[in-house]
Amino acid sequence: MQNQRDLEIIKKICAYCAKIELLKSRFGDDFSKFVADEDYQAAAGMYIQQIGEMAKRLSNEFVDTHNEIPWREIKAMRNIYAHEYDSIAPQIVWDTIIYDCPELNKYCCKILED
């Protein structure tokens, strides 16, 4: 049985992942466009930060049960965005929105379906 609070948080994570997908549709699926567009970078960064913020709110039981996802790293990325934004390499952000967020979204949506 899933904790209702955790499920609400997972819904929000899915929503932020969907917003990242919309960004990619709007701005393009090309790294050079991402690097050239500060608005694209800022919006993606904000959504990644929000995903990390939501991950911080998940119960320890949920995180322990769903340990296939690197929750600690997700929370760490949020901290980097919040406190060291200028030090983030664009390639890391790009890889996050291209590879990690779709996988996270798929995993979280599966939790919601069960």
C-alpha atoms as a PDB file:
ATOM      1  CA  MET A   1       0.000   0.000   0.000  1.00  0.00           C
ATOM      2  CA  GLN A   2       1.356   3.381  -1.025  1.00  0.00           C
ATOM      3  CA  ASN A   3       1.211   6.384   1.256  1.00  0.00           C
ATOM      4  CA  GLN A   4      -1.264   8.931  -0.209  1.00  0.00           C
ATOM      5  CA  ARG A   5       1.110  11.835   0.457  1.00  0.00           C
ATOM      6  CA  ASP A   6       3.898  10.073  -1.448  1.00  0.00           C
ATOM      7  CA  LEU A   7       1.528   9.401  -4.354  1.00  0.00           C
ATOM      8  CA  GLU A   8       0.621  13.092  -4.518  1.00  0.00           C
ATOM      9  CA  ILE A   9       4.318  13.957  -4.642  1.00  0.00           C
ATOM     10  CA  ILE A  10       4.880  11.403  -7.407  1.00  0.00           C
ATOM     11  CA  LYS A  11       2.023  13.020  -9.380  1.00  0.00           C
ATOM     12  CA  LYS A  12       3.813  16.364  -9.099  1.00  0.00           C
ATOM     13  CA  ILE A  13       7.097  14.831 -10.228  1.00  0.00           C
ATOM     14  CA  CYS A  14       5.284  13.408 -13.272  1.00  0.00           C
ATOM     15  CA  ALA A  15       3.825  16.843 -13.995  1.00  0.00           C
ATOM     16  CA  TYR A  16       7.274  18.461 -13.922  1.00  0.00           C
ATOM     17  CA  CYS A  17       8.657  15.738 -16.178  1.00  0.00           C
ATOM     18  CA  ALA A  18       5.798  16.444 -18.594  1.00  0.00           C
ATOM     19  CA  LYS A  19       6.653  20.145 -18.526  1.00  0.00           C
ATOM     20  CA  ILE A  20      10.226  19.288 -19.459  1.00  0.00           C
ATOM     21  CA  GLU A  21       8.887  17.295 -22.416  1.00  0.00           C
ATOM     22  CA  LEU A  22       6.854  20.336 -23.465  1.00  0.00           C
ATOM     23  CA  LEU A  23       9.990  22.465 -23.270  1.00  0.00           C
ATOM     24  CA  LYS A  24      11.782  20.068 -25.579  1.00  0.00           C
ATOM     25  CA  SER A  25       8.852  20.230 -28.000  1.00  0.00           C
ATOM     26  CA  ARG A  26       8.782  24.006 -27.885  1.00  0.00           C
ATOM     27  CA  PHE A  27      12.503  24.803 -27.971  1.00  0.00           C
ATOM     28  CA  GLY A  28      13.864  21.787 -29.783  1.00  0.00           C
ATOM     29  CA  ASP A  29      15.591  18.531 -29.133  1.00  0.00           C
ATOM     30  CA  ASP A  30      19.033  19.844 -30.026  1.00  0.00           C
ATOM     31  CA  PHE A  31      21.882  20.566 -27.620  1.00  0.00           C
ATOM     32  CA  SER A  32      23.112  23.567 -29.612  1.00  0.00           C
ATOM     33  CA  LYS A  33      19.683  25.204 -29.307  1.00  0.00           C
ATOM     34  CA  PHE A  34      19.670  24.469 -25.583  1.00  0.00           C
ATOM     35  CA  VAL A  35      23.084  26.059 -25.058  1.00  0.00           C
ATOM     36  CA  ALA A  36      22.146  29.102 -27.137  1.00  0.00           C
ATOM     37  CA  ASP A  37      18.848  29.799 -25.354  1.00  0.00           C
ATOM     38  CA  GLU A  38      19.045  31.040 -21.763  1.00  0.00           C
ATOM     39  CA  ASP A  39      15.273  30.808 -21.376  1.00  0.00           C
ATOM     40  CA  TYR A  40      15.364  27.126 -22.311  1.00  0.00           C
ATOM     41  CA  GLN A  41      18.148  26.499 -19.815  1.00  0.00           C
ATOM     42  CA  ALA A  42      16.431  28.465 -17.048  1.00  0.00           C
ATOM     43  CA  ALA A  43      13.071  26.757 -17.527  1.00  0.00           C
ATOM     44  CA  ALA A  44      14.624  23.289 -17.621  1.00  0.00           C
ATOM     45  CA  GLY A  45      16.657  24.125 -14.541  1.00  0.00           C
ATOM     46  CA  MET A  46      13.621  25.300 -12.635  1.00  0.00           C
ATOM     47  CA  TYR A  47      11.709  22.110 -13.401  1.00  0.00           C
ATOM     48  CA  ILE A  48      14.677  19.952 -12.425  1.00  0.00           C
ATOM     49  CA  GLN A  49      14.955  21.911  -9.196  1.00  0.00           C
ATOM     50  CA  GLN A  50      11.263  21.357  -8.483  1.00  0.00           C
ATOM     51  CA  ILE A  51      11.609  17.628  -9.114  1.00  0.00           C
ATOM     52  CA  GLY A  52      14.408  17.589  -6.543  1.00  0.00           C
ATOM     53  CA  GLU A  53      12.292  19.564  -4.107  1.00  0.00           C
ATOM     54  CA  MET A  54       9.472  17.043  -4.470  1.00  0.00           C
ATOM     55  CA  ALA A  55      11.907  14.148  -4.013  1.00  0.00           C
ATOM     56  CA  LYS A  56      13.021  15.663  -0.703  1.00  0.00           C
ATOM     57  CA  ARG A  57       9.442  15.357   0.555  1.00  0.00           C
ATOM     58  CA  LEU A  58       9.067  11.640  -0.127  1.00  0.00           C
ATOM     59  CA  SER A  59       8.908   9.442   2.948  1.00  0.00           C
ATOM     60  CA  ASN A  60      11.936   7.346   3.857  1.00  0.00           C
ATOM     61  CA  GLU A  61       9.775   4.248   3.474  1.00  0.00           C
ATOM     62  CA  PHE A  62       8.888   5.199  -0.087  1.00  0.00           C
ATOM     63  CA  VAL A  63      12.500   5.929  -1.006  1.00  0.00           C
ATOM     64  CA  ASP A  64      13.641   2.648   0.533  1.00  0.00           C
ATOM     65  CA  THR A  65      10.925   0.702  -1.279  1.00  0.00           C
ATOM     66  CA  HIS A  66      11.582   2.390  -4.633  1.00  0.00           C
ATOM     67  CA  ASN A  67      15.357   2.339  -4.535  1.00  0.00           C
ATOM     68  CA  GLU A  68      15.726   1.777  -8.295  1.00  0.00           C
ATOM     69  CA  ILE A  69      15.593   5.551  -8.670  1.00  0.00           C
ATOM     70  CA  PRO A  70      18.615   7.566  -7.471  1.00  0.00           C
ATOM     71  CA  TRP A  71      16.583   9.769  -5.133  1.00  0.00           C
ATOM     72  CA  ARG A  72      19.678  11.033  -3.332  1.00  0.00           C
ATOM     73  CA  GLU A  73      21.226  12.224  -6.590  1.00  0.00           C
ATOM     74  CA  ILE A  74      17.958  13.889  -7.604  1.00  0.00           C
ATOM     75  CA  LYS A  75      17.924  15.788  -4.315  1.00  0.00           C
ATOM     76  CA  ALA A  76      21.602  16.675  -4.740  1.00  0.00           C
ATOM     77  CA  MET A  77      20.897  18.130  -8.184  1.00  0.00           C
ATOM     78  CA  ARG A  78      18.235  20.323  -6.618  1.00  0.00           C
ATOM     79  CA  ASN A  79      20.768  21.593  -4.091  1.00  0.00           C
ATOM     80  CA  ILE A  80      23.256  22.417  -6.817  1.00  0.00           C
ATOM     81  CA  TYR A  81      20.583  24.371  -8.683  1.00  0.00           C
ATOM     82  CA  ALA A  82      19.522  26.215  -5.568  1.00  0.00           C
ATOM     83  CA  HIS A  83      22.989  27.110  -4.313  1.00  0.00           C
ATOM     84  CA  GLU A  84      25.511  26.797  -7.154  1.00  0.00           C
ATOM     85  CA  TYR A  85      23.516  27.474 -10.316  1.00  0.00           C
ATOM     86  CA  ASP A  86      26.390  29.077 -12.219  1.00  0.00           C
ATOM     87  CA  SER A  87      28.584  26.012 -11.759  1.00  0.00           C
ATOM     88  CA  ILE A  88      26.331  23.570 -13.617  1.00  0.00           C
ATOM     89  CA  ALA A  89      27.652  22.430 -16.978  1.00  0.00           C
ATOM     90  CA  PRO A  90      25.006  22.684 -19.705  1.00  0.00           C
ATOM     91  CA  GLN A  91      25.816  19.132 -20.839  1.00  0.00           C
ATOM     92  CA  ILE A  92      24.794  17.763 -17.435  1.00  0.00           C
ATOM     93  CA  VAL A  93      21.459  19.572 -17.592  1.00  0.00           C
ATOM     94  CA  TRP A  94      20.944  18.419 -21.153  1.00  0.00           C
ATOM     95  CA  ASP A  95      21.656  14.804 -20.275  1.00  0.00           C
ATOM     96  CA  THR A  96      19.237  15.118 -17.362  1.00  0.00           C
ATOM     97  CA  ILE A  97      16.356  16.354 -19.512  1.00  0.00           C
ATOM     98  CA  ILE A  98      17.089  14.004 -22.410  1.00  0.00           C
ATOM     99  CA  TYR A  99      17.818  10.767 -20.556  1.00  0.00           C
ATOM    100  CA  ASP A 100      17.020  10.974 -16.850  1.00  0.00           C
ATOM    101  CA  CYS A 101      13.695  12.821 -16.773  1.00  0.00           C
ATOM    102  CA  PRO A 102      11.961  10.535 -19.291  1.00  0.00           C
ATOM    103  CA  GLU A 103      13.093   7.482 -17.311  1.00  0.00           C
ATOM    104  CA  LEU A 104      11.979   9.057 -14.040  1.00  0.00           C
ATOM    105  CA  ASN A 105       8.628   9.934 -15.567  1.00  0.00           C
ATOM    106  CA  LYS A 106       8.108   6.390 -16.867  1.00  0.00           C
ATOM    107  CA  TYR A 107       8.964   4.942 -13.458  1.00  0.00           C
ATOM    108  CA  CYS A 108       6.737   7.363 -11.550  1.00  0.00           C
ATOM    109  CA  CYS A 109       3.797   6.881 -13.915  1.00  0.00           C
ATOM    110  CA  LYS A 110       4.085   3.131 -13.407  1.00  0.00           C
ATOM    111  CA  ILE A 111       3.835   3.657  -9.644  1.00  0.00           C
ATOM    112  CA  LEU A 112       0.671   5.668 -10.154  1.00  0.00           C
ATOM    113  CA  GLU A 113      -0.851   2.972 -12.376  1.00  0.00           C
ATOM    114  CA  ASP A 114      -0.287   0.191  -9.829  1.00  0.00           C
END
